[in-house]
């Protein structure tokens, strides 16, 4: 395969992934977590291995 075939194919697949994600996700910017949570009081959640047990 050459770059003339694989490059447009890769770009098309990425575009399809973006379209699929935007079509199936609820886009609500007010429910999103803060971009930087430095000193905001927001507590980390999820599987962070370095977190001390409570």
PDB file of N, CA and C in Angstrom:
ATOM      1  N   UNK A   1       0.838  -1.185   0.000  1.00  0.00           N
ATOM      2  CA  UNK A   1       0.000   0.000   0.000  1.00  0.00           C
ATOM      3  C   UNK A   1       0.881   1.245   0.000  1.00  0.00           C
ATOM      4  N   UNK A   2       0.376   2.249  -0.636  1.00  0.00           N
ATOM      5  CA  UNK A   2       1.139   3.490  -0.718  1.00  0.00           C
ATOM      6  C   UNK A   2       0.525   4.555   0.182  1.00  0.00           C
ATOM      7  N   UNK A   3       1.241   5.641   0.325  1.00  0.00           N
ATOM      8  CA  UNK A   3       0.734   6.741   1.148  1.00  0.00           C
ATOM      9  C   UNK A   3      -0.496   7.378   0.518  1.00  0.00           C
ATOM     10  N   UNK A   4      -0.592   7.357  -0.790  1.00  0.00           N
ATOM     11  CA  UNK A   4      -1.758   7.946  -1.459  1.00  0.00           C
ATOM     12  C   UNK A   4      -3.041   7.184  -1.133  1.00  0.00           C
ATOM     13  N   UNK A   5      -2.919   5.965  -0.718  1.00  0.00           N
ATOM     14  CA  UNK A   5      -4.090   5.171  -0.322  1.00  0.00           C
ATOM     15  C   UNK A   5      -4.302   5.202   1.190  1.00  0.00           C
ATOM     16  N   UNK A   6      -3.232   5.001   1.951  1.00  0.00           N
ATOM     17  CA  UNK A   6      -3.395   4.857   3.391  1.00  0.00           C
ATOM     18  C   UNK A   6      -3.650   6.180   4.113  1.00  0.00           C
ATOM     19  N   UNK A   7      -3.064   7.276   3.649  1.00  0.00           N
ATOM     20  CA  UNK A   7      -3.279   8.562   4.330  1.00  0.00           C
ATOM     21  C   UNK A   7      -4.738   9.011   4.250  1.00  0.00           C
ATOM     22  N   UNK A   8      -5.373   9.041   3.075  1.00  0.00           N
ATOM     23  CA  UNK A   8      -6.798   9.406   3.045  1.00  0.00           C
ATOM     24  C   UNK A   8      -7.686   8.414   3.792  1.00  0.00           C
ATOM     25  N   UNK A   9      -7.306   7.147   3.772  1.00  0.00           N
ATOM     26  CA  UNK A   9      -8.076   6.143   4.500  1.00  0.00           C
ATOM     27  C   UNK A   9      -8.003   6.399   6.005  1.00  0.00           C
ATOM     28  N   UNK A  10      -6.831   6.713   6.513  1.00  0.00           N
ATOM     29  CA  UNK A  10      -6.679   6.993   7.943  1.00  0.00           C
ATOM     30  C   UNK A  10      -7.440   8.257   8.330  1.00  0.00           C
ATOM     31  N   UNK A  11      -7.378   9.291   7.505  1.00  0.00           N
ATOM     32  CA  UNK A  11      -8.104  10.530   7.789  1.00  0.00           C
ATOM     33  C   UNK A  11      -9.608  10.285   7.752  1.00  0.00           C
ATOM     34  N   UNK A  12     -10.069   9.485   6.821  1.00  0.00           N
ATOM     35  CA  UNK A  12     -11.496   9.170   6.742  1.00  0.00           C
ATOM     36  C   UNK A  12     -11.958   8.384   7.958  1.00  0.00           C
ATOM     37  N   UNK A  13     -11.152   7.436   8.415  1.00  0.00           N
ATOM     38  CA  UNK A  13     -11.524   6.656   9.593  1.00  0.00           C
ATOM     39  C   UNK A  13     -11.553   7.521  10.854  1.00  0.00           C
ATOM     40  N   UNK A  14     -10.615   8.445  10.981  1.00  0.00           N
ATOM     41  CA  UNK A  14     -10.628   9.359  12.119  1.00  0.00           C
ATOM     42  C   UNK A  14     -11.861  10.256  12.055  1.00  0.00           C
ATOM     43  N   UNK A  15     -12.204  10.740  10.855  1.00  0.00           N
ATOM     44  CA  UNK A  15     -13.405  11.548  10.689  1.00  0.00           C
ATOM     45  C   UNK A  15     -14.665  10.781  11.040  1.00  0.00           C
ATOM     46  N   UNK A  16     -14.735   9.520  10.630  1.00  0.00           N
ATOM     47  CA  UNK A  16     -15.894   8.692  10.975  1.00  0.00           C
ATOM     48  C   UNK A  16     -15.979   8.451  12.475  1.00  0.00           C
ATOM     49  N   UNK A  17     -14.837   8.281  13.124  1.00  0.00           N
ATOM     50  CA  UNK A  17     -14.829   8.102  14.571  1.00  0.00           C
ATOM     51  C   UNK A  17     -15.333   9.361  15.277  1.00  0.00           C
ATOM     52  N   UNK A  18     -14.920  10.523  14.808  1.00  0.00           N
ATOM     53  CA  UNK A  18     -15.381  11.781  15.392  1.00  0.00           C
ATOM     54  C   UNK A  18     -16.882  11.958  15.167  1.00  0.00           C
ATOM     55  N   UNK A  19     -17.364  11.658  13.978  1.00  0.00           N
ATOM     56  CA  UNK A  19     -18.804  11.758  13.702  1.00  0.00           C
ATOM     57  C   UNK A  19     -19.605  10.789  14.561  1.00  0.00           C
ATOM     58  N   UNK A  20     -19.114   9.571  14.699  1.00  0.00           N
ATOM     59  CA  UNK A  20     -19.804   8.580  15.527  1.00  0.00           C
ATOM     60  C   UNK A  20     -19.855   9.024  16.976  1.00  0.00           C
ATOM     61  N   UNK A  21     -18.734   9.536  17.483  1.00  0.00           N
ATOM     62  CA  UNK A  21     -18.678   9.968  18.872  1.00  0.00           C
ATOM     63  C   UNK A  21     -19.596  11.158  19.120  1.00  0.00           C
ATOM     64  N   UNK A  22     -19.618  12.113  18.214  1.00  0.00           N
ATOM     65  CA  UNK A  22     -20.477  13.280  18.413  1.00  0.00           C
ATOM     66  C   UNK A  22     -21.951  12.935  18.246  1.00  0.00           C
ATOM     67  N   UNK A  23     -22.262  11.911  17.473  1.00  0.00           N
ATOM     68  CA  UNK A  23     -23.659  11.519  17.275  1.00  0.00           C
ATOM     69  C   UNK A  23     -24.195  10.706  18.457  1.00  0.00           C
ATOM     70  N   UNK A  24     -23.321  10.023  19.182  1.00  0.00           N
ATOM     71  CA  UNK A  24     -23.791   9.157  20.254  1.00  0.00           C
ATOM     72  C   UNK A  24     -23.573   9.727  21.648  1.00  0.00           C
ATOM     73  N   UNK A  25     -22.864  10.838  21.768  1.00  0.00           N
ATOM     74  CA  UNK A  25     -22.567  11.395  23.092  1.00  0.00           C
ATOM     75  C   UNK A  25     -23.485  12.576  23.385  1.00  0.00           C
ATOM     76  N   UNK A  26     -23.781  12.736  24.668  1.00  0.00           N
ATOM     77  CA  UNK A  26     -24.528  13.911  25.103  1.00  0.00           C
ATOM     78  C   UNK A  26     -23.531  15.039  25.330  1.00  0.00           C
ATOM     79  N   UNK A  27     -23.619  16.086  24.543  1.00  0.00           N
ATOM     80  CA  UNK A  27     -22.695  17.199  24.671  1.00  0.00           C
ATOM     81  C   UNK A  27     -23.300  18.234  25.600  1.00  0.00           C
ATOM     82  N   UNK A  28     -22.759  18.320  26.799  1.00  0.00           N
ATOM     83  CA  UNK A  28     -23.227  19.276  27.789  1.00  0.00           C
ATOM     84  C   UNK A  28     -22.000  19.911  28.432  1.00  0.00           C
ATOM     85  N   UNK A  29     -21.591  21.100  27.982  1.00  0.00           N
ATOM     86  CA  UNK A  29     -20.377  21.708  28.535  1.00  0.00           C
ATOM     87  C   UNK A  29     -20.518  22.095  30.001  1.00  0.00           C
ATOM     88  N   UNK A  30     -21.734  22.234  30.518  1.00  0.00           N
ATOM     89  CA  UNK A  30     -21.933  22.622  31.911  1.00  0.00           C
ATOM     90  C   UNK A  30     -21.752  21.446  32.856  1.00  0.00           C
ATOM     91  N   UNK A  31     -21.783  20.225  32.335  1.00  0.00           N
ATOM     92  CA  UNK A  31     -21.620  19.027  33.150  1.00  0.00           C
ATOM     93  C   UNK A  31     -20.189  18.492  33.089  1.00  0.00           C
ATOM     94  N   UNK A  32     -19.351  19.088  32.248  1.00  0.00           N
ATOM     95  CA  UNK A  32     -17.982  18.626  32.056  1.00  0.00           C
ATOM     96  C   UNK A  32     -17.131  18.952  33.276  1.00  0.00           C
ATOM     97  N   UNK A  33     -16.125  18.136  33.555  1.00  0.00           N
ATOM     98  CA  UNK A  33     -15.220  18.454  34.667  1.00  0.00           C
ATOM     99  C   UNK A  33     -14.350  19.654  34.299  1.00  0.00           C
ATOM    100  N   UNK A  34     -13.797  20.348  35.290  1.00  0.00           N
ATOM    101  CA  UNK A  34     -12.953  21.494  34.980  1.00  0.00           C
ATOM    102  C   UNK A  34     -11.684  21.066  34.244  1.00  0.00           C
ATOM    103  N   UNK A  35     -11.208  21.928  33.352  1.00  0.00           N
ATOM    104  CA  UNK A  35     -10.011  21.610  32.597  1.00  0.00           C
ATOM    105  C   UNK A  35      -8.797  21.544  33.522  1.00  0.00           C
ATOM    106  N   UNK A  36      -8.641  22.539  34.365  1.00  0.00           N
ATOM    107  CA  UNK A  36      -7.593  22.545  35.391  1.00  0.00           C
ATOM    108  C   UNK A  36      -8.279  22.677  36.738  1.00  0.00           C
ATOM    109  N   UNK A  37      -8.071  21.721  37.612  1.00  0.00           N
ATOM    110  CA  UNK A  37      -8.751  21.728  38.898  1.00  0.00           C
ATOM    111  C   UNK A  37      -7.792  22.073  40.027  1.00  0.00           C
ATOM    112  N   UNK A  38      -6.873  22.995  39.777  1.00  0.00           N
ATOM    113  CA  UNK A  38      -5.892  23.357  40.791  1.00  0.00           C
ATOM    114  C   UNK A  38      -6.561  24.212  41.861  1.00  0.00           C
ATOM    115  N   UNK A  39      -6.702  23.660  43.032  1.00  0.00           N
ATOM    116  CA  UNK A  39      -7.276  24.396  44.142  1.00  0.00           C
ATOM    117  C   UNK A  39      -8.764  24.620  44.052  1.00  0.00           C
ATOM    118  N   UNK A  40      -9.454  23.898  43.202  1.00  0.00           N
ATOM    119  CA  UNK A  40     -10.884  24.110  43.033  1.00  0.00           C
ATOM    120  C   UNK A  40     -11.711  23.335  44.049  1.00  0.00           C
ATOM    121  N   UNK A  41     -11.105  22.411  44.749  1.00  0.00           N
ATOM    122  CA  UNK A  41     -11.839  21.582  45.694  1.00  0.00           C
ATOM    123  C   UNK A  41     -12.424  20.341  45.058  1.00  0.00           C
ATOM    124  N   UNK A  42     -12.269  20.189  43.757  1.00  0.00           N
ATOM    125  CA  UNK A  42     -12.772  18.994  43.090  1.00  0.00           C
ATOM    126  C   UNK A  42     -11.914  17.798  43.484  1.00  0.00           C
ATOM    127  N   UNK A  43     -12.548  16.734  43.907  1.00  0.00           N
ATOM    128  CA  UNK A  43     -11.847  15.546  44.372  1.00  0.00           C
ATOM    129  C   UNK A  43     -11.644  14.603  43.203  1.00  0.00           C
ATOM    130  N   UNK A  44     -10.462  14.022  43.122  1.00  0.00           N
ATOM    131  CA  UNK A  44     -10.188  13.042  42.081  1.00  0.00           C
ATOM    132  C   UNK A  44     -11.003  11.789  42.331  1.00  0.00           C
ATOM    133  N   UNK A  45     -11.522  11.202  41.271  1.00  0.00           N
ATOM    134  CA  UNK A  45     -12.276   9.965  41.411  1.00  0.00           C
ATOM    135  C   UNK A  45     -11.811   8.994  40.338  1.00  0.00           C
ATOM    136  N   UNK A  46     -12.108   7.750  40.535  1.00  0.00           N
ATOM    137  CA  UNK A  46     -11.732   6.755  39.549  1.00  0.00           C
ATOM    138  C   UNK A  46     -10.588   5.899  40.043  1.00  0.00           C
ATOM    139  N   UNK A  47      -9.896   5.293  39.124  1.00  0.00           N
ATOM    140  CA  UNK A  47      -8.845   4.337  39.459  1.00  0.00           C
ATOM    141  C   UNK A  47      -7.463   4.951  39.487  1.00  0.00           C
ATOM    142  N   UNK A  48      -7.214   5.901  40.359  1.00  0.00           N
ATOM    143  CA  UNK A  48      -5.885   6.487  40.491  1.00  0.00           C
ATOM    144  C   UNK A  48      -5.113   5.669  41.516  1.00  0.00           C
ATOM    145  N   UNK A  49      -4.069   5.017  41.094  1.00  0.00           N
ATOM    146  CA  UNK A  49      -3.343   4.079  41.969  1.00  0.00           C
ATOM    147  C   UNK A  49      -2.566   4.773  43.072  1.00  0.00           C
ATOM    148  N   UNK A  50      -2.222   6.039  42.899  1.00  0.00           N
ATOM    149  CA  UNK A  50      -1.439   6.738  43.898  1.00  0.00           C
ATOM    150  C   UNK A  50      -2.264   7.367  44.995  1.00  0.00           C
ATOM    151  N   UNK A  51      -3.585   7.226  44.941  1.00  0.00           N
ATOM    152  CA  UNK A  51      -4.450   7.832  45.944  1.00  0.00           C
ATOM    153  C   UNK A  51      -4.399   7.029  47.243  1.00  0.00           C
ATOM    154  N   UNK A  52      -4.315   7.734  48.334  1.00  0.00           N
ATOM    155  CA  UNK A  52      -4.317   7.085  49.642  1.00  0.00           C
ATOM    156  C   UNK A  52      -5.734   6.639  49.992  1.00  0.00           C
ATOM    157  N   UNK A  53      -5.894   5.491  50.626  1.00  0.00           N
ATOM    158  CA  UNK A  53      -7.230   5.057  51.009  1.00  0.00           C
ATOM    159  C   UNK A  53      -7.804   5.972  52.092  1.00  0.00           C
ATOM    160  N   UNK A  54      -9.097   6.156  52.058  1.00  0.00           N
ATOM    161  CA  UNK A  54      -9.752   7.022  53.044  1.00  0.00           C
ATOM    162  C   UNK A  54     -10.116   6.260  54.282  1.00  0.00           C
TER     163      UNK A  54
END
